[in-house]
Amino acid sequence: MPISDLYPTGLHQQNIGHFAAIVKLALIDDKIDENELALLKRLSCSLGIHKNEFKKILKNPENYPVNPPVSYHDRLERLYDLTRMLFLDKNPTIDKVSVMNRVAVGLGFPIENARSVVKAAIKFFLKEPDFEDFKKMIKKANPMQH
């Protein structure tokens, strides 16, 4: 077994934390439906989450800390994934918007821009977007960083 298998990389730990945050959002209504599960499976593959990690995170996502990304591009990608999960049902409730406001600040968006970032993200996801369109919209809502 290579030593790299014994110690997870920082990027992998960030991906695990990000995936756990997505699972927490999926569980906001105390259940994971089949659409959410399908999205979680796709995201776990793209984030390099192994099957055994996937099961452990689904079982108890609270055990995994969220490490906010440093780069703006990574922040946008995380916000995209989290918003996509939360609004998979196309139902923007007050609770979900409140969660998204906290998520945006936690990801490193300035407090003064968080609400406009969240508003733009929700509006965007109600239209079935892709990631490139998402980045453009959020950069417009958060003009201080590019």
C-alpha atoms as a PDB file:
ATOM      1  CA  MET A   1       0.000   0.000   0.000  1.00  0.00           C
ATOM      2  CA  PRO A   2       1.495   3.349  -0.994  1.00  0.00           C
ATOM      3  CA  ILE A   3       1.888   5.945   1.742  1.00  0.00           C
ATOM      4  CA  SER A   4      -0.392   8.297  -0.229  1.00  0.00           C
ATOM      5  CA  ASP A   5      -3.243   5.861   0.476  1.00  0.00           C
ATOM      6  CA  LEU A   6      -2.708   6.244   4.227  1.00  0.00           C
ATOM      7  CA  TYR A   7      -2.982  10.040   4.320  1.00  0.00           C
ATOM      8  CA  PRO A   8      -5.758  11.694   2.356  1.00  0.00           C
ATOM      9  CA  THR A   9      -4.853  14.769   0.365  1.00  0.00           C
ATOM     10  CA  GLY A  10      -6.111  18.203   1.289  1.00  0.00           C
ATOM     11  CA  LEU A  11      -8.151  18.320  -1.905  1.00  0.00           C
ATOM     12  CA  HIS A  12      -9.780  14.981  -1.143  1.00  0.00           C
ATOM     13  CA  GLN A  13     -10.616  16.155   2.389  1.00  0.00           C
ATOM     14  CA  GLN A  14     -12.160  19.319   0.909  1.00  0.00           C
ATOM     15  CA  ASN A  15     -14.186  17.185  -1.482  1.00  0.00           C
ATOM     16  CA  ILE A  16     -15.378  14.980   1.386  1.00  0.00           C
ATOM     17  CA  GLY A  17     -16.410  18.061   3.384  1.00  0.00           C
ATOM     18  CA  HIS A  18     -18.172  19.493   0.352  1.00  0.00           C
ATOM     19  CA  PHE A  19     -19.969  16.222  -0.304  1.00  0.00           C
ATOM     20  CA  ALA A  20     -21.032  16.018   3.359  1.00  0.00           C
ATOM     21  CA  ALA A  21     -22.455  19.551   3.088  1.00  0.00           C
ATOM     22  CA  ILE A  22     -24.451  18.491   0.033  1.00  0.00           C
ATOM     23  CA  VAL A  23     -25.749  15.445   1.918  1.00  0.00           C
ATOM     24  CA  LYS A  24     -26.794  17.719   4.814  1.00  0.00           C
ATOM     25  CA  LEU A  25     -28.772  19.842   2.377  1.00  0.00           C
ATOM     26  CA  ALA A  26     -30.374  16.743   0.856  1.00  0.00           C
ATOM     27  CA  LEU A  27     -31.427  15.727   4.373  1.00  0.00           C
ATOM     28  CA  ILE A  28     -32.990  19.102   5.172  1.00  0.00           C
ATOM     29  CA  ASP A  29     -36.400  17.398   4.928  1.00  0.00           C
ATOM     30  CA  ASP A  30     -35.092  14.307   6.825  1.00  0.00           C
ATOM     31  CA  LYS A  31     -35.059  12.066   3.749  1.00  0.00           C
ATOM     32  CA  ILE A  32     -33.186  11.554   0.508  1.00  0.00           C
ATOM     33  CA  ASP A  33     -35.478  10.959  -2.447  1.00  0.00           C
ATOM     34  CA  GLU A  34     -34.469   9.130  -5.633  1.00  0.00           C
ATOM     35  CA  ASN A  35     -33.592  12.344  -7.536  1.00  0.00           C
ATOM     36  CA  GLU A  36     -31.391  13.507  -4.683  1.00  0.00           C
ATOM     37  CA  LEU A  37     -29.745  10.091  -4.448  1.00  0.00           C
ATOM     38  CA  ALA A  38     -29.045  10.087  -8.196  1.00  0.00           C
ATOM     39  CA  LEU A  39     -27.460  13.541  -7.941  1.00  0.00           C
ATOM     40  CA  LEU A  40     -25.429  12.481  -4.894  1.00  0.00           C
ATOM     41  CA  LYS A  41     -24.103   9.468  -6.778  1.00  0.00           C
ATOM     42  CA  ARG A  42     -23.072  11.626  -9.753  1.00  0.00           C
ATOM     43  CA  LEU A  43     -21.443  14.206  -7.500  1.00  0.00           C
ATOM     44  CA  SER A  44     -19.616  11.552  -5.495  1.00  0.00           C
ATOM     45  CA  CYS A  45     -18.055  10.262  -8.706  1.00  0.00           C
ATOM     46  CA  SER A  46     -17.000  13.719  -9.854  1.00  0.00           C
ATOM     47  CA  LEU A  47     -15.578  14.508  -6.392  1.00  0.00           C
ATOM     48  CA  GLY A  48     -13.680  11.213  -6.141  1.00  0.00           C
ATOM     49  CA  ILE A  49     -15.683   9.954  -3.167  1.00  0.00           C
ATOM     50  CA  HIS A  50     -15.216   6.195  -2.779  1.00  0.00           C
ATOM     51  CA  LYS A  51     -18.189   3.867  -2.180  1.00  0.00           C
ATOM     52  CA  ASN A  52     -17.277   3.203   1.451  1.00  0.00           C
ATOM     53  CA  GLU A  53     -16.847   6.968   2.070  1.00  0.00           C
ATOM     54  CA  PHE A  54     -20.178   7.587   0.334  1.00  0.00           C
ATOM     55  CA  LYS A  55     -21.961   5.199   2.720  1.00  0.00           C
ATOM     56  CA  LYS A  56     -20.287   6.652   5.821  1.00  0.00           C
ATOM     57  CA  ILE A  57     -21.090  10.222   4.803  1.00  0.00           C
ATOM     58  CA  LEU A  58     -24.729   9.358   4.024  1.00  0.00           C
ATOM     59  CA  LYS A  59     -25.009   7.710   7.420  1.00  0.00           C
ATOM     60  CA  ASN A  60     -23.607  10.668   9.377  1.00  0.00           C
ATOM     61  CA  PRO A  61     -22.678  13.793   7.384  1.00  0.00           C
ATOM     62  CA  GLU A  62     -22.189  15.777  10.605  1.00  0.00           C
ATOM     63  CA  ASN A  63     -18.884  13.957  11.180  1.00  0.00           C
ATOM     64  CA  TYR A  64     -17.214  15.763   8.281  1.00  0.00           C
ATOM     65  CA  PRO A  65     -16.058  19.375   8.513  1.00  0.00           C
ATOM     66  CA  VAL A  66     -16.575  21.729   5.620  1.00  0.00           C
ATOM     67  CA  ASN A  67     -13.370  23.349   4.387  1.00  0.00           C
ATOM     68  CA  PRO A  68     -14.234  26.418   2.321  1.00  0.00           C
ATOM     69  CA  PRO A  69     -12.340  26.640  -0.958  1.00  0.00           C
ATOM     70  CA  VAL A  70      -9.703  29.297  -1.489  1.00  0.00           C
ATOM     71  CA  SER A  71     -10.182  30.009  -5.192  1.00  0.00           C
ATOM     72  CA  TYR A  72     -13.162  31.925  -6.512  1.00  0.00           C
ATOM     73  CA  HIS A  73     -13.726  29.320  -9.223  1.00  0.00           C
ATOM     74  CA  ASP A  74     -13.914  26.553  -6.595  1.00  0.00           C
ATOM     75  CA  ARG A  75     -16.306  28.667  -4.503  1.00  0.00           C
ATOM     76  CA  LEU A  76     -18.572  29.042  -7.535  1.00  0.00           C
ATOM     77  CA  GLU A  77     -18.438  25.323  -8.180  1.00  0.00           C
ATOM     78  CA  ARG A  78     -19.327  24.515  -4.563  1.00  0.00           C
ATOM     79  CA  LEU A  79     -22.171  27.036  -4.566  1.00  0.00           C
ATOM     80  CA  TYR A  80     -23.431  25.529  -7.817  1.00  0.00           C
ATOM     81  CA  ASP A  81     -23.472  21.989  -6.385  1.00  0.00           C
ATOM     82  CA  LEU A  82     -25.095  23.053  -3.118  1.00  0.00           C
ATOM     83  CA  THR A  83     -27.756  25.187  -4.796  1.00  0.00           C
ATOM     84  CA  ARG A  84     -28.490  22.454  -7.301  1.00  0.00           C
ATOM     85  CA  MET A  85     -29.116  19.958  -4.494  1.00  0.00           C
ATOM     86  CA  LEU A  86     -31.205  22.296  -2.385  1.00  0.00           C
ATOM     87  CA  PHE A  87     -33.455  23.392  -5.246  1.00  0.00           C
ATOM     88  CA  LEU A  88     -33.720  20.082  -7.060  1.00  0.00           C
ATOM     89  CA  ASP A  89     -37.421  20.156  -6.222  1.00  0.00           C
ATOM     90  CA  LYS A  90     -37.818  23.715  -7.602  1.00  0.00           C
ATOM     91  CA  ASN A  91     -39.363  24.821  -4.294  1.00  0.00           C
ATOM     92  CA  PRO A  92     -37.633  27.930  -2.853  1.00  0.00           C
ATOM     93  CA  THR A  93     -38.906  27.960   0.744  1.00  0.00           C
ATOM     94  CA  ILE A  94     -37.841  30.522   3.332  1.00  0.00           C
ATOM     95  CA  ASP A  95     -35.904  27.823   5.218  1.00  0.00           C
ATOM     96  CA  LYS A  96     -33.920  26.889   2.120  1.00  0.00           C
ATOM     97  CA  VAL A  97     -33.153  30.522   1.320  1.00  0.00           C
ATOM     98  CA  SER A  98     -31.970  31.050   4.900  1.00  0.00           C
ATOM     99  CA  VAL A  99     -29.713  27.994   4.642  1.00  0.00           C
ATOM    100  CA  MET A 100     -28.337  29.241   1.330  1.00  0.00           C
ATOM    101  CA  ASN A 101     -27.535  32.660   2.831  1.00  0.00           C
ATOM    102  CA  ARG A 102     -25.446  30.943   5.515  1.00  0.00           C
ATOM    103  CA  VAL A 103     -23.856  28.628   2.937  1.00  0.00           C
ATOM    104  CA  ALA A 104     -22.839  31.582   0.747  1.00  0.00           C
ATOM    105  CA  VAL A 105     -21.128  33.332   3.663  1.00  0.00           C
ATOM    106  CA  GLY A 106     -19.537  30.049   4.761  1.00  0.00           C
ATOM    107  CA  LEU A 107     -18.122  29.580   1.267  1.00  0.00           C
ATOM    108  CA  GLY A 108     -16.432  32.950   1.519  1.00  0.00           C
ATOM    109  CA  PHE A 109     -18.782  35.285  -0.310  1.00  0.00           C
ATOM    110  CA  PRO A 110     -18.799  38.713   1.353  1.00  0.00           C
ATOM    111  CA  ILE A 111     -21.697  39.211   3.764  1.00  0.00           C
ATOM    112  CA  GLU A 112     -22.826  42.305   1.889  1.00  0.00           C
ATOM    113  CA  ASN A 113     -23.152  40.276  -1.337  1.00  0.00           C
ATOM    114  CA  ALA A 114     -24.410  36.966   0.061  1.00  0.00           C
ATOM    115  CA  ARG A 115     -28.117  37.718  -0.347  1.00  0.00           C
ATOM    116  CA  SER A 116     -27.751  38.904  -3.938  1.00  0.00           C
ATOM    117  CA  VAL A 117     -25.558  35.880  -4.719  1.00  0.00           C
ATOM    118  CA  VAL A 118     -28.171  33.536  -3.232  1.00  0.00           C
ATOM    119  CA  LYS A 119     -31.024  35.310  -4.989  1.00  0.00           C
ATOM    120  CA  ALA A 120     -29.208  35.008  -8.324  1.00  0.00           C
ATOM    121  CA  ALA A 121     -28.333  31.351  -7.665  1.00  0.00           C
ATOM    122  CA  ILE A 122     -31.924  30.418  -6.816  1.00  0.00           C
ATOM    123  CA  LYS A 123     -33.334  32.319  -9.777  1.00  0.00           C
ATOM    124  CA  PHE A 124     -30.838  30.573 -11.981  1.00  0.00           C
ATOM    125  CA  PHE A 125     -31.649  27.081 -10.704  1.00  0.00           C
ATOM    126  CA  LEU A 126     -35.332  27.501 -11.240  1.00  0.00           C
ATOM    127  CA  LYS A 127     -34.475  27.593 -14.986  1.00  0.00           C
ATOM    128  CA  GLU A 128     -32.447  24.319 -15.415  1.00  0.00           C
ATOM    129  CA  PRO A 129     -29.009  25.913 -16.002  1.00  0.00           C
ATOM    130  CA  ASP A 130     -25.496  24.626 -16.545  1.00  0.00           C
ATOM    131  CA  PHE A 131     -22.321  25.544 -14.645  1.00  0.00           C
ATOM    132  CA  GLU A 132     -20.929  28.047 -17.183  1.00  0.00           C
ATOM    133  CA  ASP A 133     -24.173  30.061 -17.128  1.00  0.00           C
ATOM    134  CA  PHE A 134     -24.130  29.858 -13.337  1.00  0.00           C
ATOM    135  CA  LYS A 135     -20.596  31.301 -13.066  1.00  0.00           C
ATOM    136  CA  LYS A 136     -21.534  34.254 -15.268  1.00  0.00           C
ATOM    137  CA  MET A 137     -24.621  35.053 -13.197  1.00  0.00           C
ATOM    138  CA  ILE A 138     -22.857  34.824  -9.820  1.00  0.00           C
ATOM    139  CA  LYS A 139     -19.918  36.921 -11.017  1.00  0.00           C
ATOM    140  CA  LYS A 140     -22.451  39.564 -12.019  1.00  0.00           C
ATOM    141  CA  ALA A 141     -24.087  39.403  -8.546  1.00  0.00           C
ATOM    142  CA  ASN A 142     -20.681  39.487  -6.797  1.00  0.00           C
ATOM    143  CA  PRO A 143     -18.648  42.017  -8.811  1.00  0.00           C
ATOM    144  CA  MET A 144     -15.917  42.468  -6.184  1.00  0.00           C
ATOM    145  CA  GLN A 145     -14.102  39.202  -7.028  1.00  0.00           C
ATOM    146  CA  HIS A 146     -13.165  37.792 -10.414  1.00  0.00           C
END
